Amino acid sequence: MGKTINQPLTDYTLRWVNRMADLPAADWDSMAQSIKTPFFEWFWLNSMEVSGSTKAQTGWLPNHLTVWCKNKLVAAAPLYLKGHSRGEFVFDHQWADLADQLGIDYYPKLLGMSPFTPVEGYQFLIAAGEDETALTQVMVAAIDQFCVQNQISGCHFLYANPDWRASMEKLGFQKWLHHSYIWKNEGYSSFDDYLARFNANQRRNIKRERKSVAKAGLHFEVHTGNGLSDTLCNLVYDFYSDTCDKFGWWGSKYLTRKFFQQLYPEFCDRTVVFAAYSDDSNDPIGMSFCLTKGEKLYGRYWGAFEEYNHLHFNACYYEPIDWAIANGIKLFDPGAGGRHKKRRGFPASPNHSLHKFYHPTLAQVLDNYIDRINVAEQQEIDDINADLPLKPLRTE
């Protein structure tokens, strides 16, 4: 909790801002740096906008709420007016369909998240020394007023920071339970320690999958920080684009080439690329693109120009885990989806989104059914984790 506001509330003004470029990067990052993920830092969100990835034409109109004390930015909520539900990874299409059946306009909706990034951590950004409770109440009141005046159906905060969630529930938001697949470092000092957690059958499978890449004449190199280049960052887009095209994910190619080009050199300290090379070539044939901050690693995108057995598992799971152990990473979130992840030691981990509907009928439906939905989701999490191929942790 921050300190009590020293100035009267009349010294504070609220502004809705449609461009990150109009906000002071230093003030923004002084608030965002304390968040455990890199996805709310000014450079990341601004790059989404100036690259043409988040804009009205793609259904992501930036509409950030900011609070100022005189000329200083002291609080902010990264927000977007959405004309659809794509790129969110919280699937509310049934709510949208119900609204349509009832003759209610579901879109546009107001959304708080880091675009296209299903990573837990969303919260309001509030400067040190400010009264978090008071500013949070003021910001929620402004959101409520904005949505009512503009006939916005609802406000939704996805992948909410667990420590922030309780205060928002007190202000009228309902929590909706989901799950991600998260690897946690249980004190491993080597990849063999990680392997030792598995039952014998799955341990053999992972060893076989790792060896198959080497037998195919491939090896991995890790590029981060000064080891990155503009060429590599540009290549990330090629692999990302190829994967979307190859698997028919044309509707999921959210990011532009310019977005990836902008990563070099400004975001190299956050970027980790796991690149696979043929032993007779200097050009990568596949790679996974990850971000890191503090003791956390986040997998985002991957691709390969040639097909090799188990290359995906190595690029997206085994190589990042090996690197994570060597670099003191405590948590690895490999990204959306889960079909392959639980077999490789990624338990289902709960996360929550927060929702408030301003149309009374939708609000009543949410209130009547959300508890049952959450119970069913918790049962799914329990069932997934009961089927993991892991040996019980030894307790001393």
Protein backbone atom coordinates (compact mmCIF):
# COMPACT_ATOMS: atom_id res chain seq x y z
CA MET A 1 0.00 0.00 0.00
CA GLY A 2 1.34 3.44 -0.90
CA LYS A 3 1.31 6.49 1.26
CA THR A 4 -1.70 8.73 1.73
CA ILE A 5 -2.18 11.39 -0.95
CA ASN A 6 -0.61 14.58 0.33
CA GLN A 7 -2.38 16.83 -2.16
CA PRO A 8 -6.15 17.31 -2.19
CA LEU A 9 -7.97 15.28 -4.84
CA THR A 10 -8.69 18.49 -6.70
CA ASP A 11 -5.02 18.51 -7.73
CA TYR A 12 -5.58 15.29 -9.69
CA THR A 13 -6.97 15.13 -13.23
CA LEU A 14 -8.01 12.17 -15.34
CA ARG A 15 -7.44 11.91 -19.08
CA TRP A 16 -8.31 9.27 -21.66
CA VAL A 17 -5.34 8.93 -24.01
CA ASN A 18 -5.33 7.12 -27.36
CA ARG A 19 -1.57 6.90 -27.91
CA MET A 20 1.25 5.64 -25.71
CA ALA A 21 3.48 8.05 -27.61
CA ASP A 22 1.64 10.93 -25.90
CA LEU A 23 2.60 9.64 -22.45
CA PRO A 24 5.97 10.19 -20.74
CA ALA A 25 7.92 6.93 -20.98
CA ALA A 26 9.95 7.61 -17.83
CA ASP A 27 6.85 8.23 -15.68
CA TRP A 28 5.10 5.19 -17.14
CA ASP A 29 8.06 2.87 -16.61
CA SER A 30 8.66 4.07 -13.07
CA MET A 31 5.28 2.45 -12.35
CA ALA A 32 5.55 -0.53 -14.72
CA GLN A 33 9.00 -1.69 -13.65
CA SER A 34 7.60 -3.09 -10.40
CA ILE A 35 5.28 -5.43 -12.33
CA LYS A 36 6.85 -8.86 -12.67
CA THR A 37 6.24 -9.18 -16.42
CA PRO A 38 7.75 -7.01 -19.17
CA PHE A 39 4.49 -6.70 -21.08
CA PHE A 40 3.28 -3.46 -19.48
CA GLU A 41 6.45 -1.46 -20.05
CA TRP A 42 6.10 1.64 -22.20
CA PHE A 43 8.28 0.37 -25.05
CA TRP A 44 6.31 -2.86 -25.47
CA LEU A 45 2.88 -1.21 -25.52
CA ASN A 46 4.03 1.71 -27.65
CA SER A 47 5.63 -0.68 -30.16
CA MET A 48 2.28 -2.45 -30.48
CA GLU A 49 0.72 0.84 -31.49
CA VAL A 50 3.33 2.41 -33.76
CA SER A 51 3.83 -0.90 -35.59
CA GLY A 52 0.15 -0.97 -36.52
CA SER A 53 -0.57 -4.09 -34.46
CA THR A 54 -3.03 -2.40 -32.09
CA LYS A 55 -5.23 0.16 -33.79
CA ALA A 56 -8.88 0.76 -34.57
CA GLN A 57 -8.62 -1.08 -37.90
CA THR A 58 -7.52 -4.29 -36.16
CA GLY A 59 -10.23 -4.01 -33.51
CA TRP A 60 -7.83 -2.81 -30.78
CA LEU A 61 -8.38 0.92 -30.26
CA PRO A 62 -6.04 2.17 -27.49
CA ASN A 63 -8.03 4.01 -24.83
CA HIS A 64 -5.72 4.34 -21.84
CA LEU A 65 -6.97 5.90 -18.61
CA THR A 66 -4.38 8.15 -16.99
CA VAL A 67 -4.25 10.14 -13.76
CA TRP A 68 -2.09 13.25 -13.40
CA CYS A 69 -1.00 15.28 -10.42
CA LYS A 70 -0.31 18.63 -12.00
CA ASN A 71 1.99 17.65 -14.91
CA LYS A 72 3.16 14.30 -13.57
CA LEU A 73 1.66 10.96 -14.57
CA VAL A 74 0.86 9.15 -11.31
CA ALA A 75 -1.49 6.34 -12.38
CA ALA A 76 -2.54 4.57 -15.56
CA ALA A 77 -4.62 1.68 -16.85
CA PRO A 78 -3.69 0.27 -20.27
CA LEU A 79 -7.08 -0.20 -21.91
CA TYR A 80 -8.48 -0.96 -25.36
CA LEU A 81 -11.87 -0.63 -26.98
CA LYS A 82 -12.43 -3.99 -28.67
CA GLY A 83 -14.62 -4.65 -31.66
CA HIS A 84 -14.21 -8.44 -31.31
CA SER A 85 -12.75 -10.99 -28.87
CA ARG A 86 -9.77 -12.16 -30.91
CA GLY A 87 -6.26 -12.10 -29.50
CA GLU A 88 -7.40 -12.33 -25.88
CA PHE A 89 -7.18 -16.07 -25.09
CA VAL A 90 -10.10 -15.68 -22.68
CA PHE A 91 -12.96 -17.00 -24.72
CA ASP A 92 -16.12 -15.03 -24.06
CA HIS A 93 -17.76 -15.80 -27.40
CA GLN A 94 -20.69 -17.50 -25.69
CA TRP A 95 -21.38 -14.30 -23.78
CA ALA A 96 -21.26 -12.38 -27.05
CA ASP A 97 -23.61 -14.89 -28.69
CA LEU A 98 -26.05 -14.63 -25.77
CA ALA A 99 -25.98 -10.84 -25.96
CA ASP A 100 -26.72 -11.05 -29.69
CA GLN A 101 -29.70 -13.36 -29.04
CA LEU A 102 -31.00 -10.85 -26.48
CA GLY A 103 -30.59 -7.94 -28.87
CA ILE A 104 -27.77 -6.43 -26.78
CA ASP A 105 -24.67 -4.90 -28.41
CA TYR A 106 -21.74 -6.79 -26.84
CA TYR A 107 -19.16 -4.84 -28.82
CA PRO A 108 -17.45 -2.56 -28.34
CA LYS A 109 -16.22 -3.65 -24.94
CA LEU A 110 -13.51 -2.11 -22.76
CA LEU A 111 -10.57 -4.43 -22.20
CA GLY A 112 -7.57 -4.30 -19.91
CA MET A 113 -4.67 -6.58 -20.86
CA SER A 114 -1.35 -6.54 -22.68
CA PRO A 115 -2.52 -7.23 -26.24
CA PHE A 116 -2.18 -10.79 -27.55
CA THR A 117 -0.37 -11.80 -24.36
CA PRO A 118 -2.04 -14.39 -22.09
CA VAL A 119 0.26 -13.69 -19.13
CA GLU A 120 -0.87 -13.07 -15.57
CA GLY A 121 -0.06 -9.66 -14.13
CA TYR A 122 -2.57 -7.01 -15.23
CA GLN A 123 -3.19 -4.22 -12.73
CA PHE A 124 -3.48 -0.48 -12.58
CA LEU A 125 -0.11 1.26 -12.59
CA ILE A 126 0.22 3.59 -9.60
CA ALA A 127 3.26 5.65 -8.68
CA ALA A 128 5.12 5.04 -5.44
CA GLY A 129 3.96 7.32 -2.65
CA GLU A 130 0.39 7.57 -3.94
CA ASP A 131 -2.69 6.25 -2.17
CA GLU A 132 -3.44 3.11 -4.19
CA THR A 133 -6.86 2.57 -2.68
CA ALA A 134 -8.07 6.10 -3.35
CA LEU A 135 -6.72 6.24 -6.90
CA THR A 136 -8.09 2.80 -7.71
CA GLN A 137 -11.56 3.91 -6.60
CA VAL A 138 -11.29 7.09 -8.67
CA MET A 139 -10.17 5.12 -11.74
CA VAL A 140 -12.93 2.53 -11.45
CA ALA A 141 -15.49 5.32 -11.08
CA ALA A 142 -14.14 6.92 -14.25
CA ILE A 143 -14.34 3.59 -16.10
CA ASP A 144 -17.91 3.07 -14.90
CA GLN A 145 -18.90 6.54 -16.06
CA PHE A 146 -17.17 6.14 -19.43
CA CYS A 147 -18.87 2.80 -20.11
CA VAL A 148 -22.34 3.99 -19.10
CA GLN A 149 -22.12 7.25 -21.05
CA ASN A 150 -20.83 5.50 -24.18
CA GLN A 151 -23.11 2.46 -23.90
CA ILE A 152 -20.18 0.06 -23.54
CA SER A 153 -21.53 -3.38 -22.58
CA GLY A 154 -18.80 -4.25 -20.12
CA CYS A 155 -15.28 -3.80 -18.80
CA HIS A 156 -12.95 -6.81 -18.63
CA PHE A 157 -9.51 -7.17 -17.05
CA LEU A 158 -7.75 -10.32 -18.23
CA TYR A 159 -4.95 -12.24 -16.47
CA ALA A 160 -5.31 -10.09 -13.38
CA ASN A 161 -2.56 -9.81 -10.81
CA PRO A 162 -3.76 -12.00 -7.89
CA ASP A 163 -2.70 -9.37 -5.35
CA TRP A 164 -4.80 -6.75 -7.16
CA ARG A 165 -7.85 -8.91 -7.79
CA ALA A 166 -9.39 -8.68 -4.30
CA SER A 167 -9.57 -4.87 -4.37
CA MET A 168 -11.35 -4.97 -7.73
CA GLU A 169 -13.88 -7.51 -6.52
CA LYS A 170 -14.82 -5.05 -3.79
CA LEU A 171 -15.52 -2.51 -6.54
CA GLY A 172 -18.04 -4.69 -8.34
CA PHE A 173 -15.97 -6.93 -10.60
CA GLN A 174 -16.68 -10.66 -10.81
CA LYS A 175 -13.79 -13.13 -11.06
CA TRP A 176 -13.75 -15.84 -13.73
CA LEU A 177 -11.34 -18.74 -13.19
CA HIS A 178 -9.11 -20.03 -16.01
CA HIS A 179 -5.84 -21.92 -16.17
CA SER A 180 -2.45 -21.70 -17.81
CA TYR A 181 0.35 -24.24 -17.92
CA ILE A 182 3.29 -23.03 -15.83
CA TRP A 183 6.66 -24.67 -15.16
CA LYS A 184 8.17 -23.90 -11.78
CA ASN A 185 11.79 -24.46 -10.82
CA GLU A 186 11.63 -26.77 -7.82
CA GLY A 187 15.26 -26.17 -6.87
CA TYR A 188 16.73 -27.79 -9.97
CA SER A 189 20.46 -27.34 -10.53
CA SER A 190 20.53 -29.15 -13.89
CA PHE A 191 18.30 -30.49 -16.65
CA ASP A 192 18.83 -33.95 -15.19
CA ASP A 193 17.21 -32.73 -11.95
CA TYR A 194 14.16 -31.71 -13.98
CA LEU A 195 14.11 -35.12 -15.68
CA ALA A 196 14.26 -36.87 -12.34
CA ARG A 197 10.78 -35.50 -11.50
CA PHE A 198 9.15 -37.68 -14.18
CA ASN A 199 8.07 -41.26 -14.05
CA ALA A 200 10.37 -43.65 -15.88
CA ASN A 201 8.30 -43.83 -19.07
CA GLN A 202 8.05 -40.08 -19.62
CA ARG A 203 11.69 -39.57 -18.65
CA ARG A 204 12.69 -41.93 -21.48
CA ASN A 205 10.40 -40.09 -23.89
CA ILE A 206 11.95 -36.70 -23.13
CA LYS A 207 15.49 -38.07 -23.48
CA ARG A 208 14.55 -39.61 -26.82
CA GLU A 209 12.98 -36.35 -28.04
CA ARG A 210 16.08 -34.36 -27.10
CA LYS A 211 18.44 -36.83 -28.80
CA SER A 212 16.39 -36.92 -32.00
CA VAL A 213 17.26 -33.31 -32.79
CA ALA A 214 20.98 -33.94 -32.46
CA LYS A 215 20.68 -37.10 -34.58
CA ALA A 216 19.06 -34.95 -37.29
CA GLY A 217 22.20 -32.81 -37.39
CA LEU A 218 20.75 -29.84 -35.52
CA HIS A 219 22.03 -27.82 -32.61
CA PHE A 220 20.66 -24.90 -30.61
CA GLU A 221 22.15 -21.50 -29.87
CA VAL A 222 20.68 -18.99 -27.42
CA HIS A 223 20.66 -15.32 -28.43
CA THR A 224 19.91 -12.59 -25.93
CA GLY A 225 21.16 -9.12 -25.04
CA ASN A 226 24.24 -8.26 -27.11
CA GLY A 227 23.93 -11.62 -28.86
CA LEU A 228 20.86 -10.44 -30.75
CA SER A 229 20.84 -8.57 -34.03
CA ASP A 230 18.39 -6.75 -36.26
CA THR A 231 18.60 -9.72 -38.64
CA LEU A 232 17.53 -12.18 -35.96
CA CYS A 233 14.66 -9.97 -34.76
CA ASN A 234 13.47 -9.64 -38.35
CA LEU A 235 13.68 -13.43 -38.73
CA VAL A 236 11.41 -13.88 -35.71
CA TYR A 237 8.60 -12.38 -37.78
CA ASP A 238 9.32 -14.74 -40.68
CA PHE A 239 9.00 -17.78 -38.42
CA TYR A 240 5.95 -16.35 -36.65
CA SER A 241 4.26 -15.56 -39.95
CA ASP A 242 5.12 -18.93 -41.44
CA THR A 243 3.62 -20.77 -38.47
CA CYS A 244 0.38 -18.78 -38.72
CA ASP A 245 0.14 -19.49 -42.46
CA LYS A 246 1.15 -23.14 -42.17
CA PHE A 247 -1.49 -24.01 -39.60
CA GLY A 248 -4.23 -21.81 -41.00
CA TRP A 249 -3.94 -19.26 -38.19
CA TRP A 250 -4.32 -16.37 -40.64
CA GLY A 251 -6.73 -14.76 -38.21
CA SER A 252 -4.11 -14.93 -35.47
CA LYS A 253 -1.30 -13.10 -37.23
CA TYR A 254 -1.73 -10.12 -34.95
CA LEU A 255 1.77 -8.63 -34.97
CA THR A 256 3.40 -6.86 -37.90
CA ARG A 257 6.96 -7.20 -39.14
CA LYS A 258 7.64 -3.69 -37.89
CA PHE A 259 6.81 -4.77 -34.35
CA PHE A 260 9.58 -7.38 -34.32
CA GLN A 261 12.02 -5.08 -36.10
CA GLN A 262 11.56 -2.52 -33.32
CA LEU A 263 12.78 -4.96 -30.67
CA TYR A 264 16.38 -4.36 -31.72
CA PRO A 265 18.21 -2.87 -29.95
CA GLU A 266 15.82 -1.32 -27.39
CA PHE A 267 14.29 -4.54 -26.00
CA CYS A 268 17.24 -6.93 -26.35
CA ASP A 269 17.72 -7.17 -22.60
CA ARG A 270 14.22 -8.68 -22.37
CA THR A 271 14.41 -10.92 -25.46
CA VAL A 272 15.67 -14.52 -25.58
CA VAL A 273 15.73 -16.43 -28.88
CA PHE A 274 16.34 -20.18 -28.96
CA ALA A 275 17.53 -20.80 -32.52
CA ALA A 276 18.02 -24.20 -34.16
CA TYR A 277 20.77 -24.50 -36.76
CA SER A 278 21.72 -27.24 -39.15
CA ASP A 279 25.31 -28.26 -38.56
CA ASP A 280 26.19 -27.21 -42.12
CA SER A 281 24.43 -23.80 -42.16
CA ASN A 282 24.73 -20.45 -40.40
CA ASP A 283 21.06 -19.60 -40.89
CA PRO A 284 18.46 -20.74 -38.34
CA ILE A 285 15.95 -23.30 -39.57
CA GLY A 286 13.69 -22.77 -36.57
CA MET A 287 13.44 -20.72 -33.40
CA SER A 288 11.31 -19.84 -30.41
CA PHE A 289 10.92 -16.26 -29.23
CA CYS A 290 10.75 -15.63 -25.48
CA LEU A 291 10.79 -12.67 -23.11
CA THR A 292 12.33 -12.54 -19.66
CA LYS A 293 12.22 -10.29 -16.63
CA GLY A 294 13.65 -10.96 -13.20
CA GLU A 295 13.14 -14.62 -12.34
CA LYS A 296 10.50 -15.28 -15.02
CA LEU A 297 10.62 -16.48 -18.62
CA TYR A 298 7.73 -16.23 -21.11
CA GLY A 299 7.39 -18.18 -24.34
CA ARG A 300 5.55 -16.30 -27.06
CA TYR A 301 6.08 -17.51 -30.65
CA TRP A 302 7.89 -20.16 -32.62
CA GLY A 303 8.38 -21.40 -36.16
CA ALA A 304 10.44 -23.70 -38.40
CA PHE A 305 11.10 -23.62 -42.13
CA GLU A 306 11.86 -27.36 -42.22
CA GLU A 307 10.10 -30.24 -40.49
CA TYR A 308 12.04 -32.25 -37.92
CA ASN A 309 10.63 -34.65 -35.37
CA HIS A 310 10.39 -33.10 -31.90
CA LEU A 311 11.95 -29.78 -32.96
CA HIS A 312 8.94 -27.93 -31.53
CA PHE A 313 9.28 -29.59 -28.13
CA ASN A 314 12.97 -28.78 -27.97
CA ALA A 315 12.67 -25.18 -29.14
CA CYS A 316 9.67 -24.31 -26.99
CA TYR A 317 10.13 -26.44 -23.84
CA TYR A 318 13.43 -28.25 -23.32
CA GLU A 319 15.90 -25.58 -24.45
CA PRO A 320 14.10 -22.80 -22.52
CA ILE A 321 13.91 -25.01 -19.41
CA ASP A 322 17.61 -25.83 -19.68
CA TRP A 323 18.40 -22.11 -20.02
CA ALA A 324 15.99 -21.22 -17.22
CA ILE A 325 17.69 -23.58 -14.78
CA ALA A 326 21.14 -22.26 -15.70
CA ASN A 327 20.02 -18.64 -15.29
CA GLY A 328 18.10 -18.84 -12.03
CA ILE A 329 14.64 -18.59 -13.59
CA LYS A 330 11.92 -19.63 -11.13
CA LEU A 331 8.87 -19.62 -13.43
CA PHE A 332 8.45 -20.38 -17.13
CA ASP A 333 5.13 -19.61 -18.82
CA PRO A 334 5.40 -21.20 -22.30
CA GLY A 335 2.32 -19.51 -23.75
CA ALA A 336 -1.21 -20.47 -24.72
CA GLY A 337 -2.44 -24.01 -25.26
CA GLY A 338 -1.82 -27.12 -23.22
CA ARG A 339 -2.10 -30.31 -25.25
CA HIS A 340 1.64 -30.98 -25.13
CA LYS A 341 2.59 -29.08 -22.02
CA LYS A 342 1.25 -31.21 -19.17
CA ARG A 343 3.24 -34.22 -20.46
CA ARG A 344 6.39 -32.15 -20.06
CA GLY A 345 5.95 -31.02 -16.49
CA PHE A 346 3.75 -27.95 -16.84
CA PRO A 347 0.90 -28.22 -14.30
CA ALA A 348 -2.35 -26.34 -14.81
CA SER A 349 -2.08 -23.15 -12.78
CA PRO A 350 -5.12 -20.98 -11.99
CA ASN A 351 -5.51 -17.41 -13.18
CA HIS A 352 -8.48 -15.07 -13.16
CA SER A 353 -10.10 -12.47 -15.32
CA LEU A 354 -12.37 -9.75 -13.89
CA HIS A 355 -15.66 -8.66 -15.42
CA LYS A 356 -18.33 -6.04 -14.94
CA PHE A 357 -21.35 -5.70 -17.22
CA TYR A 358 -23.25 -2.43 -17.45
CA HIS A 359 -26.31 -3.88 -19.16
CA PRO A 360 -28.54 -5.16 -16.34
CA THR A 361 -29.51 -8.38 -18.14
CA LEU A 362 -25.88 -9.38 -18.79
CA ALA A 363 -24.97 -8.43 -15.24
CA GLN A 364 -27.70 -10.70 -13.89
CA VAL A 365 -26.61 -13.63 -16.08
CA LEU A 366 -23.02 -13.25 -14.93
CA ASP A 367 -24.06 -13.06 -11.30
CA ASN A 368 -26.27 -16.17 -11.59
CA TYR A 369 -23.81 -18.45 -13.38
CA ILE A 370 -20.21 -17.41 -12.66
CA ASP A 371 -19.89 -19.47 -9.47
CA ARG A 372 -20.93 -22.64 -11.29
CA ILE A 373 -18.54 -21.87 -14.12
CA ASN A 374 -15.69 -21.42 -11.66
CA VAL A 375 -16.46 -24.69 -9.88
CA ALA A 376 -16.33 -26.54 -13.21
CA GLU A 377 -13.04 -24.88 -14.12
CA GLN A 378 -11.50 -25.80 -10.77
CA GLN A 379 -12.52 -29.42 -11.36
CA GLU A 380 -10.80 -29.33 -14.76
CA ILE A 381 -7.61 -27.99 -13.15
CA ASP A 382 -7.71 -30.74 -10.53
CA ASP A 383 -8.28 -33.43 -13.16
CA ILE A 384 -5.37 -32.21 -15.30
CA ASN A 385 -2.97 -32.12 -12.37
CA ALA A 386 -4.02 -35.56 -11.17
CA ASP A 387 -2.81 -36.94 -14.51
CA LEU A 388 0.68 -35.40 -14.68
CA PRO A 389 3.53 -37.86 -15.35
CA LEU A 390 5.43 -36.62 -12.30
CA LYS A 391 6.66 -38.43 -9.24
CA PRO A 392 5.59 -36.97 -5.88
CA LEU A 393 7.96 -34.39 -4.48
CA ARG A 394 10.17 -35.75 -1.75
CA THR A 395 9.69 -34.04 1.60
CA GLU A 396 12.48 -33.95 4.14
